[in-house]
N, C-alpha and C. Protein backbone atom coordinates (compact mmCIF):
# COMPACT_ATOMS: atom_id res chain seq x y z
N MET A 1 -34.94 34.93 31.16
CA MET A 1 -35.58 33.95 30.19
C MET A 1 -35.03 34.06 29.05
N GLU A 2 -34.51 35.04 28.64
CA GLU A 2 -33.80 35.46 27.08
C GLU A 2 -32.47 34.44 27.51
N GLU A 3 -31.46 34.52 28.50
CA GLU A 3 -30.63 33.82 28.73
C GLU A 3 -30.36 32.43 28.56
N THR A 4 -31.37 31.94 28.98
CA THR A 4 -31.66 30.21 28.92
C THR A 4 -31.89 30.09 27.48
N ASN A 5 -32.59 30.99 26.86
CA ASN A 5 -32.58 30.54 25.31
C ASN A 5 -31.71 30.67 24.69
N ASN A 6 -30.69 31.58 25.08
CA ASN A 6 -29.43 31.79 24.49
C ASN A 6 -28.37 30.50 24.57
N TYR A 7 -28.38 29.91 25.90
CA TYR A 7 -27.82 29.00 26.29
C TYR A 7 -27.83 27.88 25.74
N SER A 8 -29.44 27.22 25.66
CA SER A 8 -30.17 26.33 24.95
C SER A 8 -29.68 26.22 23.53
N LEU A 9 -29.67 27.55 22.87
CA LEU A 9 -29.36 27.81 21.06
C LEU A 9 -28.01 27.41 21.19
N LEU A 10 -27.22 28.04 22.11
CA LEU A 10 -25.53 27.63 21.82
C LEU A 10 -25.27 25.96 22.10
N TYR A 11 -26.13 25.56 23.02
CA TYR A 11 -25.80 24.49 23.14
C TYR A 11 -26.19 23.33 22.07
N ARG A 12 -27.25 23.68 21.13
CA ARG A 12 -27.91 22.65 20.16
C ARG A 12 -26.70 23.19 18.96
N LEU A 13 -26.36 24.35 18.98
CA LEU A 13 -25.36 24.70 17.98
C LEU A 13 -24.16 23.78 17.99
N ALA A 14 -23.89 23.90 19.58
CA ALA A 14 -22.57 23.09 19.77
C ALA A 14 -22.42 21.71 19.18
N MET A 15 -23.71 21.14 19.67
CA MET A 15 -23.93 19.86 19.26
C MET A 15 -24.31 19.38 17.61
N ARG A 16 -25.07 20.44 17.22
CA ARG A 16 -24.78 19.91 15.81
C ARG A 16 -23.37 20.27 15.00
N LEU A 17 -22.59 21.01 15.59
CA LEU A 17 -21.14 21.40 15.35
C LEU A 17 -20.53 19.95 15.58
N PHE A 18 -20.61 19.35 16.62
CA PHE A 18 -20.11 18.26 17.26
C PHE A 18 -20.59 17.33 16.32
N ASN A 19 -21.77 17.15 16.10
CA ASN A 19 -22.18 15.93 15.18
C ASN A 19 -22.04 15.82 13.63
N LEU A 20 -21.61 17.09 13.08
CA LEU A 20 -21.16 17.24 11.76
C LEU A 20 -19.63 16.96 11.76
N LYS A 21 -18.69 17.31 12.73
CA LYS A 21 -17.42 17.19 12.96
C LYS A 21 -17.29 15.54 13.00
N ILE A 22 -18.07 14.84 13.90
CA ILE A 22 -18.42 13.41 13.99
C ILE A 22 -18.07 12.64 12.46
N GLU A 23 -19.59 13.26 11.74
CA GLU A 23 -19.60 12.53 10.38
C GLU A 23 -18.69 12.79 9.58
N ASP A 24 -18.30 14.15 9.39
CA ASP A 24 -17.02 14.32 8.66
C ASP A 24 -16.00 13.52 8.60
N ALA A 25 -15.50 13.19 10.03
CA ALA A 25 -14.11 12.24 10.55
C ALA A 25 -14.78 10.98 9.59
N ARG A 26 -15.73 10.34 10.00
CA ARG A 26 -16.37 9.13 9.64
C ARG A 26 -16.20 9.08 7.95
N LEU A 27 -16.59 10.01 7.18
CA LEU A 27 -16.42 9.83 5.74
C LEU A 27 -15.07 10.21 5.38
N VAL A 28 -14.23 10.68 5.89
CA VAL A 28 -13.08 10.76 5.67
C VAL A 28 -11.92 9.56 6.11
N LEU A 29 -12.27 8.79 6.97
CA LEU A 29 -11.78 7.55 7.36
C LEU A 29 -12.49 6.84 6.24
N ALA A 30 -13.79 6.75 5.86
CA ALA A 30 -14.27 5.84 4.69
C ALA A 30 -13.23 5.88 3.63
N VAL A 31 -12.97 7.11 3.20
CA VAL A 31 -12.60 7.68 2.03
C VAL A 31 -10.89 7.12 2.04
N LYS A 32 -10.29 7.03 3.16
CA LYS A 32 -8.91 6.87 3.08
C LYS A 32 -8.69 5.07 3.11
N LEU A 33 -9.64 4.39 4.04
CA LEU A 33 -9.77 3.04 3.93
C LEU A 33 -10.05 2.26 2.96
N THR A 34 -10.94 3.24 2.00
CA THR A 34 -11.17 2.68 0.72
C THR A 34 -9.95 2.66 -0.24
N LYS A 35 -9.07 3.96 -0.30
CA LYS A 35 -7.96 3.97 -0.96
C LYS A 35 -7.13 2.99 -0.16
N LEU A 36 -6.80 2.75 0.83
CA LEU A 36 -5.61 1.79 1.51
C LEU A 36 -6.04 0.40 0.60
N LEU A 37 -7.11 0.05 1.02
CA LEU A 37 -7.89 -1.13 0.81
C LEU A 37 -7.59 -1.52 -0.70
N GLY A 38 -8.18 -0.57 -1.48
CA GLY A 38 -7.67 -0.57 -2.91
C GLY A 38 -6.40 -0.71 -3.28
N ALA A 39 -5.61 -0.33 -2.68
CA ALA A 39 -3.62 -0.13 -3.27
C ALA A 39 -3.55 -1.51 -2.71
N ILE A 40 -4.08 -2.17 -1.77
CA ILE A 40 -3.50 -3.46 -1.25
C ILE A 40 -4.22 -4.52 -1.97
N VAL A 41 -5.14 -4.30 -2.53
CA VAL A 41 -5.96 -5.46 -3.78
C VAL A 41 -4.98 -5.16 -4.86
N TYR A 42 -4.69 -3.70 -5.12
CA TYR A 42 -3.84 -3.63 -6.52
C TYR A 42 -2.81 -4.41 -6.32
N LEU A 43 -1.67 -4.22 -5.57
CA LEU A 43 -0.30 -4.79 -5.26
C LEU A 43 -0.57 -6.44 -5.06
N PHE A 44 -1.60 -6.88 -4.54
CA PHE A 44 -1.63 -8.00 -4.42
C PHE A 44 -1.96 -8.84 -5.76
N VAL A 45 -2.80 -8.15 -6.38
CA VAL A 45 -3.25 -8.71 -7.94
C VAL A 45 -1.90 -8.94 -8.80
N GLY A 46 -1.41 -7.29 -8.46
CA GLY A 46 0.30 -7.31 -9.31
C GLY A 46 1.09 -8.54 -8.81
N PHE A 47 1.32 -8.55 -7.65
CA PHE A 47 2.38 -9.51 -7.37
C PHE A 47 2.07 -11.06 -7.60
N MET A 48 0.84 -11.62 -7.76
CA MET A 48 0.71 -12.79 -8.27
C MET A 48 0.86 -13.02 -9.58
N LEU A 49 0.38 -11.73 -10.25
CA LEU A 49 0.97 -11.70 -11.96
C LEU A 49 2.18 -11.53 -12.27
N LEU A 50 3.06 -10.84 -11.23
CA LEU A 50 4.68 -11.10 -11.52
C LEU A 50 5.11 -12.35 -10.88
N LEU A 51 4.58 -12.96 -9.96
CA LEU A 51 5.16 -14.41 -9.64
C LEU A 51 4.70 -15.44 -11.02
N CYS A 52 3.85 -15.21 -11.57
CA CYS A 52 3.15 -16.26 -12.44
C CYS A 52 4.18 -15.95 -13.70
N LEU A 53 4.65 -14.62 -14.00
CA LEU A 53 5.45 -14.32 -15.16
C LEU A 53 6.55 -14.45 -14.75
N LEU A 54 7.33 -14.97 -13.79
CA LEU A 54 8.64 -15.19 -13.39
C LEU A 54 8.85 -16.58 -13.46
N GLY A 55 7.77 -17.07 -13.09
CA GLY A 55 7.63 -18.34 -12.97
C GLY A 55 7.90 -19.06 -14.58
N PHE A 56 7.03 -18.25 -15.33
CA PHE A 56 7.11 -18.90 -16.65
C PHE A 56 8.48 -18.55 -17.42
N ILE A 57 8.96 -17.51 -17.05
CA ILE A 57 10.15 -17.08 -17.58
C ILE A 57 11.34 -18.02 -17.08
N ALA A 58 11.41 -18.40 -16.10
CA ALA A 58 12.48 -19.47 -15.39
C ALA A 58 12.41 -20.52 -16.04
N ALA A 59 10.85 -21.10 -16.38
CA ALA A 59 10.86 -22.33 -16.97
C ALA A 59 11.51 -22.06 -18.56
N ALA A 60 11.54 -21.21 -19.23
CA ALA A 60 11.37 -21.06 -20.73
C ALA A 60 13.43 -20.50 -20.42
N ILE A 61 13.70 -20.17 -19.44
CA ILE A 61 15.22 -19.92 -19.51
C ILE A 61 15.82 -21.45 -19.16
N GLY A 62 15.50 -22.03 -18.32
CA GLY A 62 15.57 -23.42 -17.87
C GLY A 62 15.95 -24.51 -19.08
N HIS A 63 14.58 -24.09 -19.88
CA HIS A 63 14.91 -25.14 -21.20
C HIS A 63 15.47 -24.72 -22.05
N LEU A 64 15.93 -23.52 -22.48
CA LEU A 64 16.68 -22.83 -23.34
C LEU A 64 18.27 -23.54 -22.54
N LEU A 65 18.44 -23.20 -21.56
CA LEU A 65 19.90 -23.80 -20.91
C LEU A 65 20.05 -25.42 -20.98
N CYS A 66 19.19 -25.83 -21.15
CA CYS A 66 19.44 -27.34 -20.74
C CYS A 66 19.54 -27.96 -22.33
N GLU A 67 19.62 -27.26 -23.18
CA GLU A 67 20.08 -27.26 -24.79
C GLU A 67 21.64 -27.29 -24.66
N VAL A 68 22.25 -26.61 -23.88
CA VAL A 68 23.88 -26.51 -23.79
C VAL A 68 24.52 -27.02 -22.47
N MET A 69 23.72 -27.35 -21.77
CA MET A 69 24.30 -28.14 -20.51
C MET A 69 23.17 -29.14 -19.89
N PRO A 70 23.96 -30.03 -18.70
CA PRO A 70 22.80 -30.95 -18.27
C PRO A 70 21.46 -30.00 -17.90
N PRO A 71 20.46 -30.50 -17.54
CA PRO A 71 19.42 -29.82 -16.65
C PRO A 71 19.41 -29.66 -15.57
N VAL A 72 20.20 -30.42 -14.56
CA VAL A 72 20.49 -30.02 -13.24
C VAL A 72 21.30 -28.56 -12.92
N TRP A 73 22.15 -28.73 -13.60
CA TRP A 73 23.04 -27.32 -13.86
C TRP A 73 22.26 -26.20 -14.24
N ALA A 74 21.36 -26.37 -15.59
CA ALA A 74 20.54 -25.43 -15.77
C ALA A 74 19.65 -25.05 -14.94
N TYR A 75 18.94 -25.62 -14.03
CA TYR A 75 17.90 -25.54 -13.08
C TYR A 75 18.48 -25.00 -12.01
N LEU A 76 19.99 -25.27 -11.40
CA LEU A 76 20.55 -24.71 -10.34
C LEU A 76 20.79 -23.22 -10.53
N ILE A 77 21.53 -22.68 -11.79
CA ILE A 77 21.51 -21.56 -12.29
C ILE A 77 20.31 -20.83 -12.05
N ILE A 78 19.23 -20.98 -12.43
CA ILE A 78 18.09 -20.19 -12.14
C ILE A 78 17.74 -19.97 -10.61
N ALA A 79 18.08 -21.15 -9.66
CA ALA A 79 17.86 -21.35 -8.65
C ALA A 79 18.57 -20.20 -7.64
N ALA A 80 20.04 -20.36 -8.21
CA ALA A 80 21.06 -19.37 -7.43
C ALA A 80 20.61 -17.98 -8.13
N PHE A 81 20.47 -17.44 -9.28
CA PHE A 81 19.89 -16.23 -9.62
C PHE A 81 18.62 -15.93 -8.52
N TYR A 82 17.61 -16.70 -8.50
CA TYR A 82 16.65 -16.21 -7.56
C TYR A 82 16.93 -16.23 -5.93
N LEU A 83 18.28 -16.98 -5.63
CA LEU A 83 18.59 -16.78 -4.09
C LEU A 83 19.23 -15.44 -4.23
N VAL A 84 20.22 -14.81 -5.13
CA VAL A 84 20.87 -13.86 -5.38
C VAL A 84 19.63 -12.60 -5.10
N LEU A 85 18.78 -12.55 -5.85
CA LEU A 85 17.76 -11.60 -5.85
C LEU A 85 17.22 -11.58 -4.35
N LEU A 86 16.74 -12.80 -3.66
CA LEU A 86 16.18 -12.45 -2.47
C LEU A 86 17.36 -12.03 -1.54
N CYS A 87 18.39 -12.47 -1.59
CA CYS A 87 19.28 -11.92 -0.78
C CYS A 87 19.83 -10.15 -0.86
N ILE A 88 19.28 -9.69 -2.35
CA ILE A 88 19.26 -8.27 -2.56
C ILE A 88 18.13 -7.66 -1.93
N ILE A 89 16.98 -8.42 -1.97
CA ILE A 89 15.97 -7.86 -1.49
C ILE A 89 16.08 -7.70 0.24
N VAL A 90 16.30 -8.91 0.72
CA VAL A 90 16.43 -8.76 2.17
C VAL A 90 17.63 -7.84 2.54
N MET A 91 18.81 -7.57 1.85
CA MET A 91 19.54 -6.32 2.42
C MET A 91 19.16 -4.98 2.00
N ALA A 92 18.18 -4.88 1.03
CA ALA A 92 17.79 -3.26 1.10
C ALA A 92 16.26 -3.34 1.01
N LYS A 93 15.80 -4.26 2.45
CA LYS A 93 14.55 -4.13 2.40
C LYS A 93 14.02 -2.77 2.80
N LYS A 94 14.76 -1.81 3.46
CA LYS A 94 14.12 -0.52 3.85
C LYS A 94 13.78 0.08 2.83
N GLN A 95 14.79 0.03 1.74
CA GLN A 95 14.73 0.98 0.65
C GLN A 95 13.41 0.41 -0.30
N ILE A 96 13.57 -1.04 -0.50
CA ILE A 96 12.72 -1.28 -1.46
C ILE A 96 10.95 -1.57 -1.08
N ILE A 97 11.02 -2.05 0.35
CA ILE A 97 9.71 -2.23 0.78
C ILE A 97 9.05 -1.33 1.56
N ILE A 98 9.93 -1.29 2.95
CA ILE A 98 9.43 -0.34 3.84
C ILE A 98 9.23 0.87 3.92
N ASN A 99 10.16 2.13 2.91
CA ASN A 99 9.91 3.42 2.75
C ASN A 99 8.74 3.60 1.88
N PRO A 100 8.58 2.75 0.72
CA PRO A 100 7.75 3.43 -0.19
C PRO A 100 6.15 3.12 0.94
N ILE A 101 5.80 2.08 1.56
CA ILE A 101 4.86 1.57 2.18
C ILE A 101 4.42 3.01 3.00
N ALA A 102 5.61 3.51 3.89
CA ALA A 102 5.78 4.33 5.03
C ALA A 102 4.91 5.81 4.03
N ARG A 103 5.67 6.13 2.77
CA ARG A 103 5.27 7.12 2.27
C ARG A 103 3.87 6.70 1.89
N PHE A 104 3.49 6.12 1.28
CA PHE A 104 2.19 5.74 0.96
C PHE A 104 1.17 6.23 1.97
N ILE A 105 1.57 5.34 3.19
CA ILE A 105 0.26 5.45 4.31
C ILE A 105 0.44 7.01 5.13
N SER A 106 1.76 7.77 4.69
CA SER A 106 1.66 8.76 5.66
C SER A 106 1.07 10.00 4.47
N ARG A 107 1.22 9.83 2.94
CA ARG A 107 0.42 10.83 2.38
C ARG A 107 -0.76 10.35 2.44
N LEU A 108 -1.34 9.17 2.48
CA LEU A 108 -2.81 9.11 2.85
C LEU A 108 -3.24 9.29 4.29
N ILE A 109 -2.62 9.32 5.22
CA ILE A 109 -3.22 9.95 6.47
C ILE A 109 -2.95 11.57 6.69
N VAL A 110 -1.65 11.75 6.50
CA VAL A 110 -1.71 13.14 6.78
C VAL A 110 -1.80 13.87 5.44
N GLU A 111 -2.52 15.18 5.41
CA GLU A 111 -2.89 15.90 4.55
C GLU A 111 -1.84 17.01 4.34
N PRO A 112 -1.51 17.26 3.05
CA PRO A 112 -0.33 18.56 3.18
C PRO A 112 -1.14 19.80 3.43
N PRO A 113 -0.32 20.53 4.17
CA PRO A 113 -0.56 21.83 4.59
C PRO A 113 -1.19 22.74 3.36
N LYS A 114 -2.36 23.70 3.59
CA LYS A 114 -3.02 24.16 2.68
C LYS A 114 -2.29 25.54 2.46
N LYS A 115 -1.85 25.91 1.20
CA LYS A 115 -1.38 27.50 0.93
C LYS A 115 -2.36 28.32 0.86
N HIS A 116 -1.76 29.50 1.73
CA HIS A 116 -3.09 30.53 1.77
C HIS A 116 -2.42 31.36 0.53
N ILE A 117 -3.55 32.18 -0.08
CA ILE A 117 -3.19 33.07 -1.25
C ILE A 117 -3.08 34.15 -0.46
């Protein structure tokens, strides 16, 4: 009789531990997804504001250049600048875009090892 009580107690404790581990995994997942989605929204808003800023700066530079050269050439110079910028981003895609995203995701998912005192 005692043996069955010990086994049932062991089974109940193992199930409780399993359920607690599942709940902990859910909470950790919720925290990490919150951080990830927050970073995505933050970057999206920052990117949109940066695009607006670049648009206004390009228009201002275009107006300034129109005073010293024909408007067509002024705006072609600005377009060439953006084309060069695009080429730089495409050539350095790994260093500028992929590596920072990979570092952020790995820092978010993989926890650093805990140091024992």
